[in-house]
């Protein structure tokens, strides 16, 4: 049975660490693996589970777009954020 474009796209959209996403990528924060202090710092900037984000620029700091603003996150801290990349125009298409 041939897979649809949506199935192929979504199958290739495995969760990745935020610091691994290229510039222009979009996704939704799936979970954050870090100490409580760093977690609170990220949450204070608006970066929390379920939040849609866009990688504006890779580097150190990583520049993210979220909630109509841009924030800088160190690549070391971004390594602890796991993201479900958007596929086929919507992150909801990837979830069952």
PDB file of N, CA and C in Angstrom:
ATOM      1  N   UNK A   1       0.841  -1.170   0.000  1.00  0.00           N
ATOM      2  CA  UNK A   1       0.000   0.000   0.000  1.00  0.00           C
ATOM      3  C   UNK A   1       0.894   1.243   0.000  1.00  0.00           C
ATOM      4  N   UNK A   2       0.612   2.173  -0.887  1.00  0.00           N
ATOM      5  CA  UNK A   2       1.403   3.385  -1.013  1.00  0.00           C
ATOM      6  C   UNK A   2       1.017   4.379   0.081  1.00  0.00           C
ATOM      7  N   UNK A   3       2.049   5.003   0.678  1.00  0.00           N
ATOM      8  CA  UNK A   3       1.797   6.000   1.722  1.00  0.00           C
ATOM      9  C   UNK A   3       1.442   7.338   1.097  1.00  0.00           C
ATOM     10  N   UNK A   4       0.564   8.066   1.764  1.00  0.00           N
ATOM     11  CA  UNK A   4       0.216   9.413   1.309  1.00  0.00           C
ATOM     12  C   UNK A   4       1.352  10.369   1.660  1.00  0.00           C
ATOM     13  N   UNK A   5       1.338  11.552   1.048  1.00  0.00           N
ATOM     14  CA  UNK A   5       2.350  12.561   1.365  1.00  0.00           C
ATOM     15  C   UNK A   5       2.326  12.899   2.849  1.00  0.00           C
ATOM     16  N   UNK A   6       1.121  12.978   3.424  1.00  0.00           N
ATOM     17  CA  UNK A   6       0.986  13.296   4.843  1.00  0.00           C
ATOM     18  C   UNK A   6       1.661  12.225   5.694  1.00  0.00           C
ATOM     19  N   UNK A   7       1.426  10.951   5.379  1.00  0.00           N
ATOM     20  CA  UNK A   7       2.023   9.868   6.157  1.00  0.00           C
ATOM     21  C   UNK A   7       3.537   9.873   6.031  1.00  0.00           C
ATOM     22  N   UNK A   8       4.051  10.093   4.825  1.00  0.00           N
ATOM     23  CA  UNK A   8       5.491  10.124   4.609  1.00  0.00           C
ATOM     24  C   UNK A   8       6.110  11.287   5.360  1.00  0.00           C
ATOM     25  N   UNK A   9       5.494  12.443   5.257  1.00  0.00           N
ATOM     26  CA  UNK A   9       5.989  13.641   5.929  1.00  0.00           C
ATOM     27  C   UNK A   9       5.994  13.434   7.440  1.00  0.00           C
ATOM     28  N   UNK A  10       4.898  12.968   7.976  1.00  0.00           N
ATOM     29  CA  UNK A  10       4.778  12.808   9.421  1.00  0.00           C
ATOM     30  C   UNK A  10       5.700  11.720   9.952  1.00  0.00           C
ATOM     31  N   UNK A  11       5.927  10.676   9.168  1.00  0.00           N
ATOM     32  CA  UNK A  11       6.824   9.606   9.596  1.00  0.00           C
ATOM     33  C   UNK A  11       8.255  10.114   9.714  1.00  0.00           C
ATOM     34  N   UNK A  12       8.608  11.116   8.903  1.00  0.00           N
ATOM     35  CA  UNK A  12       9.974  11.639   8.927  1.00  0.00           C
ATOM     36  C   UNK A  12      10.152  12.743   9.968  1.00  0.00           C
ATOM     37  N   UNK A  13       9.094  13.118  10.649  1.00  0.00           N
ATOM     38  CA  UNK A  13       9.148  14.229  11.604  1.00  0.00           C
ATOM     39  C   UNK A  13       9.349  13.726  13.026  1.00  0.00           C
ATOM     40  N   UNK A  14      10.398  12.947  13.230  1.00  0.00           N
ATOM     41  CA  UNK A  14      10.689  12.420  14.558  1.00  0.00           C
ATOM     42  C   UNK A  14      11.080  13.553  15.502  1.00  0.00           C
ATOM     43  N   UNK A  15      10.813  13.367  16.766  1.00  0.00           N
ATOM     44  CA  UNK A  15      11.180  14.371  17.766  1.00  0.00           C
ATOM     45  C   UNK A  15      12.686  14.610  17.721  1.00  0.00           C
ATOM     46  N   UNK A  16      13.050  15.875  17.910  1.00  0.00           N
ATOM     47  CA  UNK A  16      14.461  16.253  17.874  1.00  0.00           C
ATOM     48  C   UNK A  16      14.736  17.279  18.959  1.00  0.00           C
ATOM     49  N   UNK A  17      15.981  17.388  19.324  1.00  0.00           N
ATOM     50  CA  UNK A  17      16.386  18.408  20.290  1.00  0.00           C
ATOM     51  C   UNK A  17      16.359  19.764  19.601  1.00  0.00           C
ATOM     52  N   UNK A  18      15.965  20.768  20.339  1.00  0.00           N
ATOM     53  CA  UNK A  18      15.791  22.101  19.779  1.00  0.00           C
ATOM     54  C   UNK A  18      17.055  22.606  19.091  1.00  0.00           C
ATOM     55  N   UNK A  19      18.219  22.328  19.657  1.00  0.00           N
ATOM     56  CA  UNK A  19      19.461  22.815  19.059  1.00  0.00           C
ATOM     57  C   UNK A  19      19.815  22.092  17.760  1.00  0.00           C
ATOM     58  N   UNK A  20      19.083  21.039  17.391  1.00  0.00           N
ATOM     59  CA  UNK A  20      19.334  20.295  16.153  1.00  0.00           C
ATOM     60  C   UNK A  20      18.460  20.767  14.996  1.00  0.00           C
ATOM     61  N   UNK A  21      17.450  21.576  15.269  1.00  0.00           N
ATOM     62  CA  UNK A  21      16.539  22.028  14.216  1.00  0.00           C
ATOM     63  C   UNK A  21      17.180  23.148  13.404  1.00  0.00           C
ATOM     64  N   UNK A  22      17.051  23.106  12.084  1.00  0.00           N
ATOM     65  CA  UNK A  22      17.621  24.173  11.252  1.00  0.00           C
ATOM     66  C   UNK A  22      16.792  25.458  11.328  1.00  0.00           C
ATOM     67  N   UNK A  23      17.417  26.554  10.947  1.00  0.00           N
ATOM     68  CA  UNK A  23      16.709  27.839  10.881  1.00  0.00           C
ATOM     69  C   UNK A  23      15.477  27.698  10.001  1.00  0.00           C
ATOM     70  N   UNK A  24      14.390  28.330  10.410  1.00  0.00           N
ATOM     71  CA  UNK A  24      13.137  28.273   9.661  1.00  0.00           C
ATOM     72  C   UNK A  24      12.220  27.147  10.087  1.00  0.00           C
ATOM     73  N   UNK A  25      12.730  26.204  10.890  1.00  0.00           N
ATOM     74  CA  UNK A  25      11.912  25.077  11.352  1.00  0.00           C
ATOM     75  C   UNK A  25      10.868  25.543  12.352  1.00  0.00           C
ATOM     76  N   UNK A  26       9.749  24.837  12.352  1.00  0.00           N
ATOM     77  CA  UNK A  26       8.681  25.079  13.322  1.00  0.00           C
ATOM     78  C   UNK A  26       8.381  23.766  14.035  1.00  0.00           C
ATOM     79  N   UNK A  27       7.825  23.878  15.222  1.00  0.00           N
ATOM     80  CA  UNK A  27       7.445  22.685  15.952  1.00  0.00           C
ATOM     81  C   UNK A  27       6.759  23.035  17.254  1.00  0.00           C
ATOM     82  N   UNK A  28       6.485  21.990  18.015  1.00  0.00           N
ATOM     83  CA  UNK A  28       5.833  22.134  19.317  1.00  0.00           C
ATOM     84  C   UNK A  28       6.726  21.472  20.358  1.00  0.00           C
ATOM     85  N   UNK A  29       6.926  22.152  21.479  1.00  0.00           N
ATOM     86  CA  UNK A  29       7.743  21.598  22.556  1.00  0.00           C
ATOM     87  C   UNK A  29       7.042  20.357  23.095  1.00  0.00           C
ATOM     88  N   UNK A  30       7.737  19.222  23.052  1.00  0.00           N
ATOM     89  CA  UNK A  30       7.178  17.955  23.529  1.00  0.00           C
ATOM     90  C   UNK A  30       7.490  17.751  25.007  1.00  0.00           C
ATOM     91  N   UNK A  31       8.761  17.901  25.374  1.00  0.00           N
ATOM     92  CA  UNK A  31       9.140  17.847  26.784  1.00  0.00           C
ATOM     93  C   UNK A  31      10.497  18.519  26.977  1.00  0.00           C
ATOM     94  N   UNK A  32      10.811  18.804  28.234  1.00  0.00           N
ATOM     95  CA  UNK A  32      12.058  19.475  28.586  1.00  0.00           C
ATOM     96  C   UNK A  32      12.758  18.628  29.632  1.00  0.00           C
ATOM     97  N   UNK A  33      14.020  18.297  29.358  1.00  0.00           N
ATOM     98  CA  UNK A  33      14.813  17.436  30.242  1.00  0.00           C
ATOM     99  C   UNK A  33      15.901  18.271  30.902  1.00  0.00           C
ATOM    100  N   UNK A  34      15.578  18.942  31.989  1.00  0.00           N
ATOM    101  CA  UNK A  34      16.578  19.765  32.662  1.00  0.00           C
ATOM    102  C   UNK A  34      16.215  19.946  34.130  1.00  0.00           C
ATOM    103  N   UNK A  35      17.149  20.502  34.863  1.00  0.00           N
ATOM    104  CA  UNK A  35      16.931  20.757  36.286  1.00  0.00           C
ATOM    105  C   UNK A  35      15.831  21.802  36.468  1.00  0.00           C
ATOM    106  N   UNK A  36      15.245  21.792  37.638  1.00  0.00           N
ATOM    107  CA  UNK A  36      14.106  22.666  37.923  1.00  0.00           C
ATOM    108  C   UNK A  36      14.433  24.146  37.727  1.00  0.00           C
ATOM    109  N   UNK A  37      15.623  24.572  38.110  1.00  0.00           N
ATOM    110  CA  UNK A  37      16.003  25.982  37.966  1.00  0.00           C
ATOM    111  C   UNK A  37      15.977  26.410  36.506  1.00  0.00           C
ATOM    112  N   UNK A  38      16.595  25.614  35.639  1.00  0.00           N
ATOM    113  CA  UNK A  38      16.616  25.929  34.207  1.00  0.00           C
ATOM    114  C   UNK A  38      15.211  25.835  33.618  1.00  0.00           C
ATOM    115  N   UNK A  39      14.428  24.877  34.083  1.00  0.00           N
ATOM    116  CA  UNK A  39      13.056  24.723  33.608  1.00  0.00           C
ATOM    117  C   UNK A  39      12.245  25.988  33.905  1.00  0.00           C
ATOM    118  N   UNK A  40      12.386  26.517  35.110  1.00  0.00           N
ATOM    119  CA  UNK A  40      11.671  27.746  35.475  1.00  0.00           C
ATOM    120  C   UNK A  40      12.131  28.924  34.619  1.00  0.00           C
ATOM    121  N   UNK A  41      13.428  28.979  34.302  1.00  0.00           N
ATOM    122  CA  UNK A  41      13.951  30.055  33.459  1.00  0.00           C
ATOM    123  C   UNK A  41      13.324  29.985  32.071  1.00  0.00           C
ATOM    124  N   UNK A  42      13.255  28.775  31.501  1.00  0.00           N
ATOM    125  CA  UNK A  42      12.650  28.596  30.178  1.00  0.00           C
ATOM    126  C   UNK A  42      11.166  28.954  30.196  1.00  0.00           C
ATOM    127  N   UNK A  43      10.476  28.511  31.229  1.00  0.00           N
ATOM    128  CA  UNK A  43       9.045  28.796  31.334  1.00  0.00           C
ATOM    129  C   UNK A  43       8.785  30.295  31.479  1.00  0.00           C
ATOM    130  N   UNK A  44       9.660  30.996  32.183  1.00  0.00           N
ATOM    131  CA  UNK A  44       9.510  32.443  32.345  1.00  0.00           C
ATOM    132  C   UNK A  44       9.644  33.164  31.001  1.00  0.00           C
ATOM    133  N   UNK A  45      10.408  32.567  30.078  1.00  0.00           N
ATOM    134  CA  UNK A  45      10.565  33.146  28.736  1.00  0.00           C
ATOM    135  C   UNK A  45       9.432  32.722  27.805  1.00  0.00           C
ATOM    136  N   UNK A  46       8.540  31.845  28.292  1.00  0.00           N
ATOM    137  CA  UNK A  46       7.415  31.392  27.474  1.00  0.00           C
ATOM    138  C   UNK A  46       7.645  30.068  26.783  1.00  0.00           C
ATOM    139  N   UNK A  47       8.785  29.445  27.036  1.00  0.00           N
ATOM    140  CA  UNK A  47       9.113  28.167  26.405  1.00  0.00           C
ATOM    141  C   UNK A  47       8.670  27.039  27.331  1.00  0.00           C
ATOM    142  N   UNK A  48       7.540  26.409  27.001  1.00  0.00           N
ATOM    143  CA  UNK A  48       7.001  25.353  27.846  1.00  0.00           C
ATOM    144  C   UNK A  48       6.358  24.273  26.975  1.00  0.00           C
ATOM    145  N   UNK A  49       6.058  23.143  27.573  1.00  0.00           N
ATOM    146  CA  UNK A  49       5.463  22.015  26.858  1.00  0.00           C
ATOM    147  C   UNK A  49       4.163  22.452  26.188  1.00  0.00           C
ATOM    148  N   UNK A  50       4.032  22.070  24.917  1.00  0.00           N
ATOM    149  CA  UNK A  50       2.842  22.405  24.152  1.00  0.00           C
ATOM    150  C   UNK A  50       2.950  23.708  23.373  1.00  0.00           C
ATOM    151  N   UNK A  51       4.007  24.474  23.611  1.00  0.00           N
ATOM    152  CA  UNK A  51       4.173  25.778  22.956  1.00  0.00           C
ATOM    153  C   UNK A  51       4.690  25.598  21.526  1.00  0.00           C
ATOM    154  N   UNK A  52       4.060  26.286  20.584  1.00  0.00           N
ATOM    155  CA  UNK A  52       4.539  26.302  19.201  1.00  0.00           C
ATOM    156  C   UNK A  52       5.698  27.283  19.105  1.00  0.00           C
ATOM    157  N   UNK A  53       6.779  26.856  18.431  1.00  0.00           N
ATOM    158  CA  UNK A  53       7.970  27.696  18.301  1.00  0.00           C
ATOM    159  C   UNK A  53       8.457  27.687  16.855  1.00  0.00           C
ATOM    160  N   UNK A  54       9.281  28.675  16.543  1.00  0.00           N
ATOM    161  CA  UNK A  54       9.963  28.728  15.248  1.00  0.00           C
ATOM    162  C   UNK A  54      11.428  29.039  15.514  1.00  0.00           C
ATOM    163  N   UNK A  55      12.324  28.300  14.862  1.00  0.00           N
ATOM    164  CA  UNK A  55      13.747  28.600  14.960  1.00  0.00           C
ATOM    165  C   UNK A  55      14.033  29.707  13.947  1.00  0.00           C
ATOM    166  N   UNK A  56      14.294  30.897  14.452  1.00  0.00           N
ATOM    167  CA  UNK A  56      14.575  32.040  13.588  1.00  0.00           C
ATOM    168  C   UNK A  56      16.020  31.971  13.107  1.00  0.00           C
ATOM    169  N   UNK A  57      16.942  31.637  14.038  1.00  0.00           N
ATOM    170  CA  UNK A  57      18.355  31.555  13.683  1.00  0.00           C
ATOM    171  C   UNK A  57      19.048  30.534  14.566  1.00  0.00           C
ATOM    172  N   UNK A  58      19.791  29.638  13.938  1.00  0.00           N
ATOM    173  CA  UNK A  58      20.622  28.695  14.670  1.00  0.00           C
ATOM    174  C   UNK A  58      21.867  29.421  15.139  1.00  0.00           C
ATOM    175  N   UNK A  59      22.499  28.927  16.163  1.00  0.00           N
ATOM    176  CA  UNK A  59      23.727  29.522  16.675  1.00  0.00           C
ATOM    177  C   UNK A  59      23.698  29.559  18.185  1.00  0.00           C
ATOM    178  N   UNK A  60      24.561  30.365  18.741  1.00  0.00           N
ATOM    179  CA  UNK A  60      24.614  30.507  20.185  1.00  0.00           C
ATOM    180  C   UNK A  60      24.668  31.992  20.512  1.00  0.00           C
ATOM    181  N   UNK A  61      23.551  32.572  20.920  1.00  0.00           N
ATOM    182  CA  UNK A  61      22.313  31.898  21.287  1.00  0.00           C
ATOM    183  C   UNK A  61      21.457  31.540  20.070  1.00  0.00           C
ATOM    184  N   UNK A  62      20.608  30.580  20.280  1.00  0.00           N
ATOM    185  CA  UNK A  62      19.588  30.184  19.313  1.00  0.00           C
ATOM    186  C   UNK A  62      18.475  31.227  19.430  1.00  0.00           C
ATOM    187  N   UNK A  63      18.016  31.763  18.305  1.00  0.00           N
ATOM    188  CA  UNK A  63      16.942  32.758  18.342  1.00  0.00           C
ATOM    189  C   UNK A  63      15.638  32.068  17.968  1.00  0.00           C
ATOM    190  N   UNK A  64      14.662  32.164  18.870  1.00  0.00           N
ATOM    191  CA  UNK A  64      13.363  31.524  18.677  1.00  0.00           C
ATOM    192  C   UNK A  64      12.264  32.567  18.565  1.00  0.00           C
ATOM    193  N   UNK A  65      11.268  32.247  17.775  1.00  0.00           N
ATOM    194  CA  UNK A  65      10.062  33.048  17.718  1.00  0.00           C
ATOM    195  C   UNK A  65       8.949  32.301  18.424  1.00  0.00           C
ATOM    196  N   UNK A  66       8.318  32.956  19.388  1.00  0.00           N
ATOM    197  CA  UNK A  66       7.167  32.374  20.067  1.00  0.00           C
ATOM    198  C   UNK A  66       6.334  33.485  20.677  1.00  0.00           C
ATOM    199  N   UNK A  67       5.035  33.282  20.661  1.00  0.00           N
ATOM    200  CA  UNK A  67       4.100  34.246  21.241  1.00  0.00           C
ATOM    201  C   UNK A  67       4.286  35.651  20.665  1.00  0.00           C
ATOM    202  N   UNK A  68       4.670  35.745  19.399  1.00  0.00           N
ATOM    203  CA  UNK A  68       4.838  37.043  18.764  1.00  0.00           C
ATOM    204  C   UNK A  68       6.109  37.778  19.153  1.00  0.00           C
ATOM    205  N   UNK A  69       7.020  37.101  19.829  1.00  0.00           N
ATOM    206  CA  UNK A  69       8.275  37.721  20.261  1.00  0.00           C
ATOM    207  C   UNK A  69       9.447  36.835  19.849  1.00  0.00           C
ATOM    208  N   UNK A  70      10.643  37.363  20.016  1.00  0.00           N
ATOM    209  CA  UNK A  70      11.857  36.582  19.777  1.00  0.00           C
ATOM    210  C   UNK A  70      12.638  36.502  21.075  1.00  0.00           C
ATOM    211  N   UNK A  71      13.172  35.310  21.343  1.00  0.00           N
ATOM    212  CA  UNK A  71      13.992  35.128  22.541  1.00  0.00           C
ATOM    213  C   UNK A  71      15.282  34.427  22.145  1.00  0.00           C
ATOM    214  N   UNK A  72      16.316  34.624  22.945  1.00  0.00           N
ATOM    215  CA  UNK A  72      17.585  33.938  22.746  1.00  0.00           C
ATOM    216  C   UNK A  72      17.758  32.869  23.806  1.00  0.00           C
ATOM    217  N   UNK A  73      18.143  31.671  23.370  1.00  0.00           N
ATOM    218  CA  UNK A  73      18.361  30.547  24.280  1.00  0.00           C
ATOM    219  C   UNK A  73      19.732  29.968  23.966  1.00  0.00           C
ATOM    220  N   UNK A  74      20.549  29.747  24.984  1.00  0.00           N
ATOM    221  CA  UNK A  74      21.875  29.172  24.747  1.00  0.00           C
ATOM    222  C   UNK A  74      21.729  27.792  24.113  1.00  0.00           C
ATOM    223  N   UNK A  75      22.685  27.430  23.269  1.00  0.00           N
ATOM    224  CA  UNK A  75      22.615  26.114  22.622  1.00  0.00           C
ATOM    225  C   UNK A  75      22.705  24.999  23.662  1.00  0.00           C
ATOM    226  N   UNK A  76      23.423  25.249  24.754  1.00  0.00           N
ATOM    227  CA  UNK A  76      23.534  24.255  25.830  1.00  0.00           C
ATOM    228  C   UNK A  76      22.166  23.992  26.455  1.00  0.00           C
ATOM    229  N   UNK A  77      21.402  25.040  26.692  1.00  0.00           N
ATOM    230  CA  UNK A  77      20.069  24.892  27.273  1.00  0.00           C
ATOM    231  C   UNK A  77      19.083  24.330  26.246  1.00  0.00           C
ATOM    232  N   UNK A  78      19.218  24.748  24.983  1.00  0.00           N
ATOM    233  CA  UNK A  78      18.331  24.263  23.917  1.00  0.00           C
ATOM    234  C   UNK A  78      18.464  22.755  23.716  1.00  0.00           C
ATOM    235  N   UNK A  79      19.621  22.200  24.062  1.00  0.00           N
ATOM    236  CA  UNK A  79      19.846  20.752  23.940  1.00  0.00           C
ATOM    237  C   UNK A  79      18.875  19.955  24.822  1.00  0.00           C
ATOM    238  N   UNK A  80      18.373  20.564  25.872  1.00  0.00           N
ATOM    239  CA  UNK A  80      17.480  19.874  26.813  1.00  0.00           C
ATOM    240  C   UNK A  80      16.004  19.967  26.433  1.00  0.00           C
ATOM    241  N   UNK A  81      15.700  20.696  25.356  1.00  0.00           N
ATOM    242  CA  UNK A  81      14.312  20.881  24.917  1.00  0.00           C
ATOM    243  C   UNK A  81      14.046  19.955  23.733  1.00  0.00           C
ATOM    244  N   UNK A  82      13.070  19.063  23.875  1.00  0.00           N
ATOM    245  CA  UNK A  82      12.720  18.114  22.816  1.00  0.00           C
ATOM    246  C   UNK A  82      11.463  18.623  22.115  1.00  0.00           C
ATOM    247  N   UNK A  83      11.559  18.699  20.778  1.00  0.00           N
ATOM    248  CA  UNK A  83      10.508  19.306  19.960  1.00  0.00           C
ATOM    249  C   UNK A  83       9.956  18.294  18.967  1.00  0.00           C
ATOM    250  N   UNK A  84       8.646  18.338  18.757  1.00  0.00           N
ATOM    251  CA  UNK A  84       8.004  17.588  17.669  1.00  0.00           C
ATOM    252  C   UNK A  84       7.937  18.552  16.498  1.00  0.00           C
ATOM    253  N   UNK A  85       8.769  18.345  15.458  1.00  0.00           N
ATOM    254  CA  UNK A  85       8.734  19.269  14.315  1.00  0.00           C
ATOM    255  C   UNK A  85       7.364  19.275  13.645  1.00  0.00           C
ATOM    256  N   UNK A  86       7.009  20.428  13.101  1.00  0.00           N
ATOM    257  CA  UNK A  86       5.768  20.538  12.333  1.00  0.00           C
ATOM    258  C   UNK A  86       5.961  19.810  11.020  1.00  0.00           C
ATOM    259  N   UNK A  87       4.884  19.238  10.514  1.00  0.00           N
ATOM    260  CA  UNK A  87       4.951  18.584   9.211  1.00  0.00           C
ATOM    261  C   UNK A  87       3.650  18.849   8.483  1.00  0.00           C
ATOM    262  N   UNK A  88       3.756  18.922   7.198  1.00  0.00           N
ATOM    263  CA  UNK A  88       2.567  19.084   6.358  1.00  0.00           C
ATOM    264  C   UNK A  88       1.762  20.316   6.759  1.00  0.00           C
ATOM    265  N   UNK A  89       2.445  21.324   7.288  1.00  0.00           N
ATOM    266  CA  UNK A  89       1.772  22.573   7.603  1.00  0.00           C
ATOM    267  C   UNK A  89       1.141  22.648   8.973  1.00  0.00           C
ATOM    268  N   UNK A  90       1.073  21.533   9.700  1.00  0.00           N
ATOM    269  CA  UNK A  90       0.448  21.581  11.015  1.00  0.00           C
ATOM    270  C   UNK A  90       0.995  20.486  11.900  1.00  0.00           C
ATOM    271  N   UNK A  91       1.344  20.828  13.145  1.00  0.00           N
ATOM    272  CA  UNK A  91       1.817  19.826  14.087  1.00  0.00           C
ATOM    273  C   UNK A  91       0.694  18.862  14.442  1.00  0.00           C
ATOM    274  N   UNK A  92      -0.540  19.286  14.336  1.00  0.00           N
ATOM    275  CA  UNK A  92      -1.660  18.407  14.688  1.00  0.00           C
ATOM    276  C   UNK A  92      -1.770  17.231  13.720  1.00  0.00           C
ATOM    277  N   UNK A  93      -1.283  17.399  12.478  1.00  0.00           N
ATOM    278  CA  UNK A  93      -1.318  16.308  11.513  1.00  0.00           C
ATOM    279  C   UNK A  93      -0.462  15.128  11.956  1.00  0.00           C
ATOM    280  N   UNK A  94       0.540  15.396  12.800  1.00  0.00           N
ATOM    281  CA  UNK A  94       1.495  14.356  13.175  1.00  0.00           C
ATOM    282  C   UNK A  94       1.023  13.529  14.362  1.00  0.00           C
ATOM    283  N   UNK A  95       0.072  14.025  15.097  1.00  0.00           N
ATOM    284  CA  UNK A  95      -0.330  13.353  16.324  1.00  0.00           C
ATOM    285  C   UNK A  95      -1.510  12.435  16.066  1.00  0.00           C
ATOM    286  N   UNK A  96      -1.476  11.300  16.722  1.00  0.00           N
ATOM    287  CA  UNK A  96      -2.593  10.356  16.549  1.00  0.00           C
ATOM    288  C   UNK A  96      -3.625  10.544  17.625  1.00  0.00           C
TER     289      UNK A  96
END
